[in-house]
Amino acid sequence: MKLFEKNVGQVDRIVRIVIGVALLAAAYLWQTDVIVRGIVGLVGLVALFTGIMGTCTLYSLIGVNTNK
């Protein structure tokens, strides 16, 4: 098990990037509690980062690979 090998496929990466950007925009635009915005923003950053990098630590830990 390599922790930082590419294990996120092309469709998965695109979905993660779109969701990440949407969550970051929502965290920025929402007029709600700062803690909720922070959590949503953090989840958006993680989704965006894993989509850009093409690697997911959770996938590595549980043995999932969507990269063909």
Protein backbone atom coordinates (compact mmCIF):
# COMPACT_ATOMS: atom_id res chain seq x y z
CA MET A 1 0.00 0.00 0.00
CA LYS A 2 1.50 3.26 -1.13
CA LEU A 3 -0.01 6.22 0.64
CA PHE A 4 0.45 8.83 -2.09
CA GLU A 5 0.05 6.89 -5.32
CA LYS A 6 -2.59 8.05 -7.80
CA ASN A 7 -5.78 6.22 -6.89
CA VAL A 8 -8.51 8.65 -8.00
CA GLY A 9 -9.88 8.18 -11.53
CA GLN A 10 -10.67 10.93 -14.04
CA VAL A 11 -14.44 11.10 -13.41
CA ASP A 12 -13.88 10.93 -9.66
CA ARG A 13 -11.37 13.80 -9.89
CA ILE A 14 -13.74 16.01 -11.87
CA VAL A 15 -16.58 15.36 -9.40
CA ARG A 16 -14.30 16.14 -6.46
CA ILE A 17 -13.10 19.41 -8.03
CA VAL A 18 -16.65 20.55 -8.83
CA ILE A 19 -17.90 19.66 -5.34
CA GLY A 20 -14.86 21.29 -3.75
CA VAL A 21 -15.37 24.56 -5.61
CA ALA A 22 -19.11 24.52 -4.84
CA LEU A 23 -18.50 23.94 -1.12
CA LEU A 24 -15.87 26.68 -0.95
CA ALA A 25 -18.25 29.09 -2.68
CA ALA A 26 -21.04 28.10 -0.30
CA ALA A 27 -18.80 28.59 2.73
CA TYR A 28 -17.86 32.03 1.45
CA LEU A 29 -21.39 33.14 0.55
CA TRP A 30 -23.47 31.66 3.38
CA GLN A 31 -24.60 33.99 6.12
CA THR A 32 -24.51 31.36 8.85
CA ASP A 33 -22.48 30.37 11.88
CA VAL A 34 -18.73 30.68 11.42
CA ILE A 35 -18.18 27.11 12.64
CA VAL A 36 -20.52 25.69 9.99
CA ARG A 37 -18.83 27.79 7.32
CA GLY A 38 -15.43 26.59 8.53
CA ILE A 39 -16.43 22.93 8.38
CA VAL A 40 -17.98 23.30 4.93
CA GLY A 41 -14.91 25.19 3.74
CA LEU A 42 -12.56 22.53 5.11
CA VAL A 43 -14.50 19.72 3.43
CA GLY A 44 -14.40 21.75 0.20
CA LEU A 45 -10.65 22.21 0.46
CA VAL A 46 -10.08 18.50 1.04
CA ALA A 47 -12.29 17.58 -1.93
CA LEU A 48 -10.55 20.13 -4.15
CA PHE A 49 -7.07 19.04 -3.04
CA THR A 50 -7.72 15.33 -3.56
CA GLY A 51 -9.26 16.06 -6.96
CA ILE A 52 -6.30 18.12 -8.11
CA MET A 53 -3.65 15.76 -6.71
CA GLY A 54 -5.40 12.56 -7.84
CA THR A 55 -4.70 10.80 -4.58
CA CYS A 56 -6.96 10.06 -1.63
CA THR A 57 -5.56 8.87 1.67
CA LEU A 58 -8.86 7.29 2.70
CA TYR A 59 -8.95 5.31 -0.55
CA SER A 60 -5.40 4.11 0.18
CA LEU A 61 -6.33 3.01 3.70
CA ILE A 62 -9.38 1.00 2.61
CA GLY A 63 -7.87 -0.32 -0.64
CA VAL A 64 -10.05 1.49 -3.19
CA ASN A 65 -8.64 2.56 -6.55
CA THR A 66 -10.79 4.28 -9.19
CA ASN A 67 -7.79 5.09 -11.38
CA LYS A 68 -7.56 2.79 -14.39
